[in-house]
Amino acid sequence: MATMNLDVAIRELVVAEIERALDPYRDMFGRLGRFLGTQKAAAALEPRSLRRPGRRGGRRSAGLANGKGEVSAFTLGQKVRYRQGRGAFEALVTKIDPAGNALTLQRISDSKIVVRPPSKVMA
């Protein structure tokens, strides 16, 4: 009987310690849960002073920064640079897909064909 009380006491201490350690992160977990849809969106219930403003600015891709977010800014046979992963490559525009807002490019170095969104392509 005494061991059960000791087990209960240890469990309560462990739970209290875990809750104390996680307490600073509760707000973040709540926002993450709402984002993933696992909790009801309680943002409407939070006072405006507790809400964080939306992210403004930030990093933009080179194509959008140059005002080339649409395929209409490119022409067939145009020499461009495109970004993929951490690299940038020179290529020629071989096909323009206005419906899908995509460009088909042929890489100059090895003739590889790639399809990229115009926001990743720089004139």
N, C-alpha and C. Protein backbone atom coordinates (compact mmCIF):
# COMPACT_ATOMS: atom_id res chain seq x y z
N MET A 1 0.82 -1.19 0.00
CA MET A 1 0.00 0.00 0.00
C MET A 1 0.86 1.25 0.00
N ALA A 2 1.96 1.22 0.72
CA ALA A 2 2.85 2.38 0.79
C ALA A 2 3.53 2.62 -0.55
N THR A 3 3.80 1.55 -1.31
CA THR A 3 4.46 1.73 -2.61
C THR A 3 3.52 2.42 -3.60
N MET A 4 2.21 2.18 -3.52
CA MET A 4 1.28 2.85 -4.41
C MET A 4 1.27 4.34 -4.14
N ASN A 5 1.30 4.74 -2.88
CA ASN A 5 1.32 6.16 -2.55
C ASN A 5 2.61 6.80 -3.04
N LEU A 6 3.72 6.07 -2.95
CA LEU A 6 4.99 6.57 -3.43
C LEU A 6 4.97 6.73 -4.95
N ASP A 7 4.38 5.73 -5.65
CA ASP A 7 4.25 5.82 -7.11
C ASP A 7 3.42 7.02 -7.53
N VAL A 8 2.31 7.23 -6.83
CA VAL A 8 1.44 8.36 -7.14
C VAL A 8 2.17 9.67 -6.88
N ALA A 9 2.90 9.75 -5.79
CA ALA A 9 3.63 10.97 -5.45
C ALA A 9 4.71 11.26 -6.50
N ILE A 10 5.42 10.23 -6.94
CA ILE A 10 6.46 10.41 -7.96
C ILE A 10 5.84 10.86 -9.27
N ARG A 11 4.73 10.24 -9.66
CA ARG A 11 4.05 10.64 -10.90
C ARG A 11 3.61 12.09 -10.83
N GLU A 12 3.06 12.51 -9.70
CA GLU A 12 2.61 13.89 -9.55
C GLU A 12 3.78 14.87 -9.64
N LEU A 13 4.92 14.49 -9.03
CA LEU A 13 6.11 15.34 -9.11
C LEU A 13 6.62 15.45 -10.55
N VAL A 14 6.63 14.33 -11.27
CA VAL A 14 7.10 14.33 -12.65
C VAL A 14 6.17 15.17 -13.53
N VAL A 15 4.86 15.00 -13.37
CA VAL A 15 3.90 15.76 -14.16
C VAL A 15 4.05 17.26 -13.86
N ALA A 16 4.20 17.61 -12.60
CA ALA A 16 4.36 19.02 -12.23
C ALA A 16 5.64 19.60 -12.84
N GLU A 17 6.73 18.83 -12.82
CA GLU A 17 7.99 19.30 -13.38
C GLU A 17 7.90 19.47 -14.90
N ILE A 18 7.24 18.53 -15.56
CA ILE A 18 7.06 18.63 -17.02
C ILE A 18 6.21 19.84 -17.37
N GLU A 19 5.12 20.04 -16.65
CA GLU A 19 4.26 21.20 -16.92
C GLU A 19 5.01 22.51 -16.67
N ARG A 20 5.84 22.55 -15.63
CA ARG A 20 6.62 23.75 -15.35
C ARG A 20 7.62 24.01 -16.48
N ALA A 21 8.23 22.96 -17.02
CA ALA A 21 9.21 23.11 -18.10
C ALA A 21 8.54 23.53 -19.41
N LEU A 22 7.31 23.05 -19.66
CA LEU A 22 6.63 23.35 -20.91
C LEU A 22 5.80 24.64 -20.86
N ASP A 23 5.63 25.21 -19.69
CA ASP A 23 4.77 26.38 -19.53
C ASP A 23 5.17 27.55 -20.45
N PRO A 24 6.45 27.87 -20.63
CA PRO A 24 6.79 28.98 -21.53
C PRO A 24 6.41 28.72 -22.99
N TYR A 25 6.19 27.48 -23.35
CA TYR A 25 5.91 27.12 -24.75
C TYR A 25 4.43 26.86 -25.03
N ARG A 26 3.58 27.01 -24.05
CA ARG A 26 2.16 26.70 -24.24
C ARG A 26 1.52 27.53 -25.34
N ASP A 27 1.83 28.82 -25.39
CA ASP A 27 1.26 29.70 -26.40
C ASP A 27 1.67 29.22 -27.80
N MET A 28 2.95 28.87 -27.95
CA MET A 28 3.43 28.39 -29.24
C MET A 28 2.73 27.08 -29.63
N PHE A 29 2.57 26.17 -28.67
CA PHE A 29 1.88 24.91 -28.95
C PHE A 29 0.43 25.15 -29.35
N GLY A 30 -0.21 26.12 -28.70
CA GLY A 30 -1.59 26.45 -29.05
C GLY A 30 -1.70 26.99 -30.47
N ARG A 31 -0.78 27.90 -30.84
CA ARG A 31 -0.79 28.43 -32.21
C ARG A 31 -0.50 27.33 -33.22
N LEU A 32 0.44 26.46 -32.90
CA LEU A 32 0.77 25.36 -33.80
C LEU A 32 -0.42 24.43 -33.96
N GLY A 33 -1.12 24.15 -32.88
CA GLY A 33 -2.31 23.31 -32.94
C GLY A 33 -3.41 23.92 -33.78
N ARG A 34 -3.61 25.24 -33.64
CA ARG A 34 -4.62 25.91 -34.46
C ARG A 34 -4.22 25.88 -35.92
N PHE A 35 -2.94 26.07 -36.21
CA PHE A 35 -2.46 26.04 -37.59
C PHE A 35 -2.68 24.67 -38.22
N LEU A 36 -2.42 23.63 -37.46
CA LEU A 36 -2.59 22.27 -37.97
C LEU A 36 -4.03 21.80 -37.92
N GLY A 37 -4.90 22.56 -37.29
CA GLY A 37 -6.31 22.21 -37.23
C GLY A 37 -6.64 21.20 -36.15
N THR A 38 -5.74 21.01 -35.19
CA THR A 38 -6.02 20.05 -34.13
C THR A 38 -6.72 20.69 -32.95
N GLN A 39 -6.76 22.01 -32.91
CA GLN A 39 -7.48 22.72 -31.86
C GLN A 39 -8.40 23.73 -32.52
N LYS A 40 -9.43 24.11 -31.82
CA LYS A 40 -10.32 25.13 -32.36
C LYS A 40 -9.57 26.45 -32.45
N ALA A 41 -9.88 27.19 -33.47
CA ALA A 41 -9.21 28.48 -33.66
C ALA A 41 -9.72 29.45 -32.61
N ALA A 42 -8.96 29.61 -31.56
CA ALA A 42 -9.35 30.49 -30.46
C ALA A 42 -8.75 31.87 -30.62
N ALA A 43 -8.17 32.15 -31.77
CA ALA A 43 -7.56 33.46 -31.99
C ALA A 43 -8.58 34.57 -31.87
N ALA A 44 -9.81 34.29 -32.27
CA ALA A 44 -10.85 35.33 -32.20
C ALA A 44 -11.16 35.67 -30.75
N LEU A 45 -10.91 34.74 -29.84
CA LEU A 45 -11.19 34.97 -28.43
C LEU A 45 -10.06 35.69 -27.72
N GLU A 46 -8.85 35.70 -28.31
CA GLU A 46 -7.72 36.36 -27.68
C GLU A 46 -7.84 37.87 -27.82
N PRO A 47 -7.45 38.59 -26.81
CA PRO A 47 -7.43 40.05 -26.95
C PRO A 47 -6.43 40.46 -28.03
N ARG A 48 -6.69 41.54 -28.72
CA ARG A 48 -5.79 42.00 -29.79
C ARG A 48 -4.38 42.26 -29.29
N SER A 49 -4.25 42.65 -28.05
CA SER A 49 -2.92 42.95 -27.52
C SER A 49 -2.05 41.70 -27.43
N LEU A 50 -2.67 40.52 -27.35
CA LEU A 50 -1.91 39.28 -27.27
C LEU A 50 -1.58 38.70 -28.64
N ARG A 51 -2.27 39.15 -29.67
CA ARG A 51 -2.03 38.62 -31.00
C ARG A 51 -0.76 39.23 -31.57
N ARG A 52 -0.02 38.41 -32.28
CA ARG A 52 1.18 38.92 -32.94
C ARG A 52 0.78 39.39 -34.33
N PRO A 53 1.33 40.51 -34.77
CA PRO A 53 1.00 40.97 -36.11
C PRO A 53 1.54 40.01 -37.14
N GLY A 54 0.89 39.96 -38.32
CA GLY A 54 1.35 39.09 -39.38
C GLY A 54 2.71 39.51 -39.88
N ARG A 55 3.40 38.58 -40.47
CA ARG A 55 4.73 38.86 -40.98
C ARG A 55 4.63 39.70 -42.25
N ARG A 56 5.33 40.78 -42.27
CA ARG A 56 5.36 41.66 -43.42
C ARG A 56 6.76 41.65 -43.99
N GLY A 57 6.88 41.82 -45.28
CA GLY A 57 8.20 41.88 -45.89
C GLY A 57 8.82 40.50 -45.95
N GLY A 58 10.04 40.40 -45.53
CA GLY A 58 10.71 39.11 -45.56
C GLY A 58 11.40 38.88 -46.89
N ARG A 59 11.84 37.68 -47.09
CA ARG A 59 12.60 37.34 -48.29
C ARG A 59 11.67 37.12 -49.46
N ARG A 60 12.02 37.68 -50.59
CA ARG A 60 11.24 37.48 -51.80
C ARG A 60 12.13 36.86 -52.83
N SER A 61 11.55 36.08 -53.68
CA SER A 61 12.36 35.47 -54.72
C SER A 61 12.77 36.53 -55.73
N ALA A 62 13.82 36.27 -56.46
CA ALA A 62 14.40 37.26 -57.36
C ALA A 62 13.42 37.66 -58.46
N GLY A 63 12.64 36.73 -58.96
CA GLY A 63 11.71 37.04 -60.04
C GLY A 63 10.64 38.02 -59.61
N LEU A 64 10.08 37.81 -58.44
CA LEU A 64 9.05 38.71 -57.95
C LEU A 64 9.64 40.07 -57.60
N ALA A 65 10.86 40.08 -57.10
CA ALA A 65 11.48 41.35 -56.75
C ALA A 65 11.71 42.19 -58.00
N ASN A 66 11.92 41.57 -59.14
CA ASN A 66 12.11 42.30 -60.38
C ASN A 66 10.80 42.53 -61.12
N GLY A 67 9.67 42.19 -60.51
CA GLY A 67 8.38 42.40 -61.13
C GLY A 67 8.08 41.36 -62.21
N LYS A 68 8.67 40.19 -62.14
CA LYS A 68 8.47 39.16 -63.16
C LYS A 68 7.78 37.95 -62.56
N GLY A 69 6.68 38.15 -61.88
CA GLY A 69 5.95 37.05 -61.30
C GLY A 69 5.00 36.39 -62.28
N GLU A 70 4.92 36.90 -63.50
CA GLU A 70 4.02 36.35 -64.51
C GLU A 70 4.82 35.91 -65.71
N VAL A 71 4.33 34.87 -66.37
CA VAL A 71 5.03 34.35 -67.55
C VAL A 71 5.00 35.33 -68.71
N SER A 72 4.09 36.28 -68.71
CA SER A 72 3.98 37.23 -69.82
C SER A 72 5.21 38.12 -69.94
N ALA A 73 6.04 38.17 -68.90
CA ALA A 73 7.25 38.99 -68.94
C ALA A 73 8.38 38.31 -69.70
N PHE A 74 8.20 37.06 -70.12
CA PHE A 74 9.25 36.29 -70.78
C PHE A 74 8.87 36.00 -72.22
N THR A 75 9.89 35.77 -73.05
CA THR A 75 9.67 35.42 -74.45
C THR A 75 10.42 34.14 -74.78
N LEU A 76 9.95 33.43 -75.80
CA LEU A 76 10.62 32.21 -76.23
C LEU A 76 12.03 32.54 -76.71
N GLY A 77 12.98 31.71 -76.33
CA GLY A 77 14.37 31.90 -76.73
C GLY A 77 15.14 32.89 -75.87
N GLN A 78 14.48 33.48 -74.90
CA GLN A 78 15.13 34.46 -74.03
C GLN A 78 16.14 33.76 -73.13
N LYS A 79 17.31 34.37 -72.96
CA LYS A 79 18.33 33.83 -72.06
C LYS A 79 18.03 34.35 -70.65
N VAL A 80 17.92 33.44 -69.70
CA VAL A 80 17.54 33.79 -68.32
C VAL A 80 18.45 33.05 -67.34
N ARG A 81 18.32 33.42 -66.08
CA ARG A 81 18.94 32.67 -64.97
C ARG A 81 17.80 32.19 -64.09
N TYR A 82 17.91 30.99 -63.58
CA TYR A 82 16.87 30.50 -62.68
C TYR A 82 17.51 29.93 -61.43
N ARG A 83 16.73 29.95 -60.38
CA ARG A 83 17.19 29.43 -59.09
C ARG A 83 16.55 28.08 -58.84
N GLN A 84 17.37 27.17 -58.35
CA GLN A 84 16.87 25.85 -57.97
C GLN A 84 17.76 25.37 -56.85
N GLY A 85 17.14 25.10 -55.70
CA GLY A 85 17.94 24.71 -54.54
C GLY A 85 18.82 25.87 -54.12
N ARG A 86 20.11 25.61 -53.96
CA ARG A 86 21.04 26.66 -53.57
C ARG A 86 21.77 27.26 -54.75
N GLY A 87 21.49 26.77 -55.94
CA GLY A 87 22.23 27.22 -57.10
C GLY A 87 21.42 28.10 -58.03
N ALA A 88 22.14 28.73 -58.94
CA ALA A 88 21.52 29.53 -59.99
C ALA A 88 22.14 29.08 -61.31
N PHE A 89 21.32 28.94 -62.35
CA PHE A 89 21.78 28.39 -63.61
C PHE A 89 21.31 29.28 -64.76
N GLU A 90 22.09 29.30 -65.84
CA GLU A 90 21.69 30.00 -67.05
C GLU A 90 20.91 29.04 -67.93
N ALA A 91 19.88 29.56 -68.60
CA ALA A 91 19.02 28.70 -69.42
C ALA A 91 18.35 29.54 -70.50
N LEU A 92 17.71 28.82 -71.42
CA LEU A 92 16.90 29.45 -72.47
C LEU A 92 15.44 29.06 -72.25
N VAL A 93 14.54 29.99 -72.47
CA VAL A 93 13.11 29.72 -72.36
C VAL A 93 12.69 28.95 -73.61
N THR A 94 12.17 27.71 -73.42
CA THR A 94 11.75 26.90 -74.57
C THR A 94 10.24 26.78 -74.68
N LYS A 95 9.52 27.00 -73.56
CA LYS A 95 8.06 26.90 -73.60
C LYS A 95 7.49 27.78 -72.50
N ILE A 96 6.37 28.41 -72.79
CA ILE A 96 5.69 29.27 -71.83
C ILE A 96 4.28 28.72 -71.62
N ASP A 97 3.92 28.44 -70.38
CA ASP A 97 2.60 27.89 -70.05
C ASP A 97 1.82 28.93 -69.24
N PRO A 98 1.03 29.78 -69.91
CA PRO A 98 0.29 30.81 -69.16
C PRO A 98 -0.77 30.23 -68.24
N ALA A 99 -1.37 29.11 -68.61
CA ALA A 99 -2.42 28.52 -67.77
C ALA A 99 -1.85 28.01 -66.45
N GLY A 100 -0.69 27.37 -66.53
CA GLY A 100 -0.06 26.84 -65.33
C GLY A 100 0.92 27.81 -64.70
N ASN A 101 1.10 29.00 -65.31
CA ASN A 101 2.04 30.00 -64.84
C ASN A 101 3.41 29.36 -64.60
N ALA A 102 3.93 28.69 -65.64
CA ALA A 102 5.22 28.00 -65.54
C ALA A 102 6.02 28.21 -66.82
N LEU A 103 7.32 28.12 -66.67
CA LEU A 103 8.24 28.25 -67.80
C LEU A 103 9.02 26.96 -67.94
N THR A 104 9.16 26.48 -69.18
CA THR A 104 10.02 25.34 -69.45
C THR A 104 11.34 25.92 -69.94
N LEU A 105 12.43 25.51 -69.28
CA LEU A 105 13.75 26.06 -69.57
C LEU A 105 14.70 24.94 -69.97
N GLN A 106 15.67 25.28 -70.81
CA GLN A 106 16.73 24.35 -71.18
C GLN A 106 18.03 24.94 -70.63
N ARG A 107 18.63 24.20 -69.69
CA ARG A 107 19.86 24.65 -69.07
C ARG A 107 20.97 24.71 -70.11
N ILE A 108 21.75 25.78 -70.13
CA ILE A 108 22.80 25.96 -71.13
C ILE A 108 23.96 25.00 -70.90
N SER A 109 24.35 24.77 -69.65
CA SER A 109 25.54 23.98 -69.36
C SER A 109 25.42 22.52 -69.77
N ASP A 110 24.25 21.91 -69.57
CA ASP A 110 24.11 20.48 -69.88
C ASP A 110 22.82 20.14 -70.63
N SER A 111 22.09 21.12 -71.11
CA SER A 111 20.85 20.95 -71.89
C SER A 111 19.72 20.26 -71.14
N LYS A 112 19.80 20.23 -69.83
CA LYS A 112 18.72 19.64 -69.02
C LYS A 112 17.47 20.51 -69.13
N ILE A 113 16.30 19.87 -69.25
CA ILE A 113 15.01 20.57 -69.34
C ILE A 113 14.40 20.63 -67.94
N VAL A 114 14.01 21.83 -67.52
CA VAL A 114 13.37 22.01 -66.22
C VAL A 114 12.14 22.89 -66.39
N VAL A 115 11.18 22.73 -65.48
CA VAL A 115 9.99 23.58 -65.45
C VAL A 115 10.05 24.35 -64.15
N ARG A 116 10.02 25.68 -64.24
CA ARG A 116 10.14 26.54 -63.06
C ARG A 116 9.04 27.59 -63.06
N PRO A 117 8.60 28.02 -61.90
CA PRO A 117 7.66 29.13 -61.83
C PRO A 117 8.40 30.43 -62.19
N PRO A 118 7.71 31.40 -62.73
CA PRO A 118 8.38 32.64 -63.14
C PRO A 118 9.00 33.40 -61.97
N SER A 119 8.54 33.17 -60.76
CA SER A 119 9.11 33.86 -59.61
C SER A 119 10.54 33.40 -59.31
N LYS A 120 10.94 32.26 -59.85
CA LYS A 120 12.29 31.74 -59.64
C LYS A 120 13.20 32.01 -60.84
N VAL A 121 12.69 32.73 -61.82
CA VAL A 121 13.43 32.98 -63.05
C VAL A 121 13.73 34.48 -63.15
N MET A 122 14.99 34.80 -63.47
CA MET A 122 15.43 36.18 -63.59
C MET A 122 15.85 36.44 -65.04
N ALA A 123 15.42 37.56 -65.58
CA ALA A 123 15.78 37.90 -66.96
C ALA A 123 17.21 38.37 -67.03
